[in-house]
């Protein structure tokens, strides 16, 4: 996990898959955004905090 301290002193943490794709972002307030990937490395979904619960969005290829 990598961390970055911004100019205001907030620490944000970034985690990556073995393939180098972003898998999670953790914010100082405890919120997190996570990403999942398909076998070909395409981003399949992301989950993020929304009010009192987490929301997951699935990404589909449009032909």
N, C-alpha and C. Protein backbone atom coordinates (compact mmCIF):
# COMPACT_ATOMS: atom_id res chain seq x y z
N UNK A 1 0.84 -1.17 0.00
CA UNK A 1 0.00 0.00 0.00
C UNK A 1 0.89 1.24 0.00
N UNK A 2 0.56 2.17 -0.87
CA UNK A 2 1.28 3.43 -0.94
C UNK A 2 0.46 4.52 -0.26
N UNK A 3 1.12 5.50 0.30
CA UNK A 3 0.44 6.60 0.97
C UNK A 3 0.91 7.93 0.40
N UNK A 4 0.00 8.89 0.39
CA UNK A 4 0.35 10.23 -0.07
C UNK A 4 -0.23 11.25 0.91
N UNK A 5 0.62 12.14 1.37
CA UNK A 5 0.22 13.22 2.27
C UNK A 5 0.02 14.47 1.42
N UNK A 6 -1.20 15.02 1.45
CA UNK A 6 -1.44 16.20 0.62
C UNK A 6 -1.01 17.48 1.35
N UNK A 7 -1.15 18.61 0.69
CA UNK A 7 -0.67 19.89 1.22
C UNK A 7 -1.39 20.31 2.50
N UNK A 8 -2.59 19.75 2.75
CA UNK A 8 -3.34 20.07 3.95
C UNK A 8 -3.08 19.09 5.09
N UNK A 9 -2.22 18.12 4.84
CA UNK A 9 -1.86 17.16 5.87
C UNK A 9 -2.74 15.91 5.92
N UNK A 10 -3.57 15.70 4.90
CA UNK A 10 -4.44 14.52 4.86
C UNK A 10 -3.70 13.37 4.19
N UNK A 11 -3.75 12.20 4.81
CA UNK A 11 -3.07 11.02 4.29
C UNK A 11 -4.08 10.15 3.53
N UNK A 12 -3.79 9.88 2.28
CA UNK A 12 -4.61 8.99 1.45
C UNK A 12 -3.77 7.78 1.11
N UNK A 13 -4.37 6.59 1.22
CA UNK A 13 -3.64 5.35 0.96
C UNK A 13 -4.18 4.70 -0.31
N UNK A 14 -3.25 4.14 -1.09
CA UNK A 14 -3.57 3.50 -2.36
C UNK A 14 -3.05 2.07 -2.34
N UNK A 15 -3.90 1.12 -2.74
CA UNK A 15 -3.49 -0.28 -2.81
C UNK A 15 -3.66 -0.75 -4.25
N UNK A 16 -2.78 -1.64 -4.68
CA UNK A 16 -2.76 -2.10 -6.08
C UNK A 16 -2.79 -3.62 -6.15
N UNK A 17 -3.30 -4.13 -7.26
CA UNK A 17 -3.28 -5.58 -7.50
C UNK A 17 -1.86 -6.01 -7.89
N UNK A 18 -1.66 -7.30 -7.99
CA UNK A 18 -0.35 -7.82 -8.43
C UNK A 18 -0.01 -7.36 -9.84
N UNK A 19 -1.05 -7.05 -10.64
CA UNK A 19 -0.84 -6.60 -12.01
C UNK A 19 -0.59 -5.09 -12.09
N UNK A 20 -0.67 -4.41 -10.95
CA UNK A 20 -0.41 -2.97 -10.92
C UNK A 20 -1.63 -2.09 -11.07
N UNK A 21 -2.83 -2.70 -11.06
CA UNK A 21 -4.06 -1.92 -11.17
C UNK A 21 -4.49 -1.42 -9.80
N UNK A 22 -5.05 -0.25 -9.75
CA UNK A 22 -5.54 0.32 -8.50
C UNK A 22 -6.68 -0.53 -7.96
N UNK A 23 -6.57 -1.01 -6.71
CA UNK A 23 -7.62 -1.85 -6.14
C UNK A 23 -8.40 -1.15 -5.02
N UNK A 24 -7.77 -0.18 -4.35
CA UNK A 24 -8.48 0.51 -3.27
C UNK A 24 -7.83 1.86 -2.96
N UNK A 25 -8.69 2.81 -2.62
CA UNK A 25 -8.25 4.10 -2.10
C UNK A 25 -8.88 4.26 -0.73
N UNK A 26 -8.06 4.54 0.28
CA UNK A 26 -8.55 4.76 1.64
C UNK A 26 -8.31 6.22 2.02
N UNK A 27 -9.38 6.86 2.47
CA UNK A 27 -9.29 8.26 2.87
C UNK A 27 -9.15 8.38 4.37
N UNK A 28 -8.68 9.52 4.83
CA UNK A 28 -8.39 9.75 6.24
C UNK A 28 -9.65 9.60 7.12
N UNK A 29 -10.82 9.87 6.57
CA UNK A 29 -12.06 9.78 7.36
C UNK A 29 -12.61 8.35 7.44
N UNK A 30 -11.86 7.39 6.89
CA UNK A 30 -12.28 5.99 6.97
C UNK A 30 -13.04 5.50 5.74
N UNK A 31 -13.44 6.39 4.86
CA UNK A 31 -14.11 5.97 3.64
C UNK A 31 -13.11 5.29 2.71
N UNK A 32 -13.62 4.39 1.89
CA UNK A 32 -12.76 3.69 0.94
C UNK A 32 -13.51 3.47 -0.36
N UNK A 33 -12.79 3.49 -1.46
CA UNK A 33 -13.31 3.15 -2.78
C UNK A 33 -12.51 1.95 -3.25
N UNK A 34 -13.20 0.89 -3.69
CA UNK A 34 -12.48 -0.29 -4.16
C UNK A 34 -12.89 -0.63 -5.58
N UNK A 35 -11.99 -1.28 -6.30
CA UNK A 35 -12.18 -1.63 -7.70
C UNK A 35 -11.94 -3.11 -7.89
N UNK A 36 -12.70 -3.73 -8.80
CA UNK A 36 -12.46 -5.12 -9.18
C UNK A 36 -12.19 -5.16 -10.68
N UNK A 37 -11.46 -6.19 -11.11
CA UNK A 37 -11.03 -6.31 -12.50
C UNK A 37 -11.35 -7.69 -13.04
N UNK A 38 -11.59 -7.76 -14.34
CA UNK A 38 -11.83 -9.02 -15.02
C UNK A 38 -10.53 -9.72 -15.37
N UNK A 39 -10.65 -10.89 -15.96
CA UNK A 39 -9.47 -11.70 -16.31
C UNK A 39 -8.55 -10.99 -17.29
N UNK A 40 -9.12 -10.14 -18.15
CA UNK A 40 -8.32 -9.41 -19.13
C UNK A 40 -7.77 -8.10 -18.62
N UNK A 41 -7.99 -7.82 -17.34
CA UNK A 41 -7.48 -6.60 -16.74
C UNK A 41 -8.43 -5.42 -16.83
N UNK A 42 -9.61 -5.63 -17.41
CA UNK A 42 -10.57 -4.54 -17.52
C UNK A 42 -11.26 -4.30 -16.18
N UNK A 43 -11.51 -3.05 -15.86
CA UNK A 43 -12.20 -2.72 -14.61
C UNK A 43 -13.63 -3.20 -14.72
N UNK A 44 -14.06 -4.01 -13.75
CA UNK A 44 -15.41 -4.60 -13.79
C UNK A 44 -16.40 -3.89 -12.89
N UNK A 45 -15.93 -3.39 -11.75
CA UNK A 45 -16.85 -2.71 -10.84
C UNK A 45 -16.06 -1.83 -9.89
N UNK A 46 -16.78 -0.91 -9.26
CA UNK A 46 -16.18 -0.14 -8.18
C UNK A 46 -17.22 0.06 -7.10
N UNK A 47 -16.75 0.09 -5.86
CA UNK A 47 -17.61 0.26 -4.70
C UNK A 47 -17.16 1.50 -3.96
N UNK A 48 -18.12 2.34 -3.59
CA UNK A 48 -17.80 3.59 -2.93
C UNK A 48 -18.85 3.90 -1.87
N UNK A 49 -18.49 4.68 -0.86
CA UNK A 49 -19.45 5.01 0.18
C UNK A 49 -20.50 5.99 -0.34
N UNK A 50 -21.74 5.77 0.07
CA UNK A 50 -22.82 6.66 -0.33
C UNK A 50 -23.78 6.77 0.84
N UNK A 51 -23.78 7.90 1.48
CA UNK A 51 -24.56 8.15 2.68
C UNK A 51 -24.20 7.12 3.75
N UNK A 52 -25.14 6.28 4.15
CA UNK A 52 -24.91 5.33 5.23
C UNK A 52 -24.55 3.93 4.75
N UNK A 53 -24.38 3.74 3.45
CA UNK A 53 -24.07 2.39 2.93
C UNK A 53 -23.11 2.48 1.77
N UNK A 54 -22.63 1.33 1.34
CA UNK A 54 -21.73 1.28 0.18
C UNK A 54 -22.56 1.02 -1.07
N UNK A 55 -22.13 1.58 -2.16
CA UNK A 55 -22.80 1.40 -3.45
C UNK A 55 -21.80 0.77 -4.42
N UNK A 56 -22.24 -0.28 -5.12
CA UNK A 56 -21.38 -0.93 -6.11
C UNK A 56 -21.95 -0.70 -7.50
N UNK A 57 -21.10 -0.30 -8.41
CA UNK A 57 -21.47 -0.10 -9.80
C UNK A 57 -20.72 -1.10 -10.66
N UNK A 58 -21.44 -1.84 -11.49
CA UNK A 58 -20.83 -2.81 -12.38
C UNK A 58 -20.67 -2.18 -13.76
N UNK A 59 -19.50 -2.34 -14.33
CA UNK A 59 -19.18 -1.76 -15.62
C UNK A 59 -19.32 -2.83 -16.68
N UNK A 60 -20.11 -2.55 -17.72
CA UNK A 60 -20.29 -3.49 -18.81
C UNK A 60 -19.92 -2.84 -20.12
N UNK A 61 -19.37 -3.64 -21.01
CA UNK A 61 -18.99 -3.14 -22.34
C UNK A 61 -20.25 -2.95 -23.17
N UNK A 62 -20.35 -1.81 -23.80
CA UNK A 62 -21.48 -1.51 -24.67
C UNK A 62 -21.02 -1.68 -26.12
N UNK A 63 -21.74 -2.48 -26.85
CA UNK A 63 -21.37 -2.72 -28.26
C UNK A 63 -22.08 -1.77 -29.18
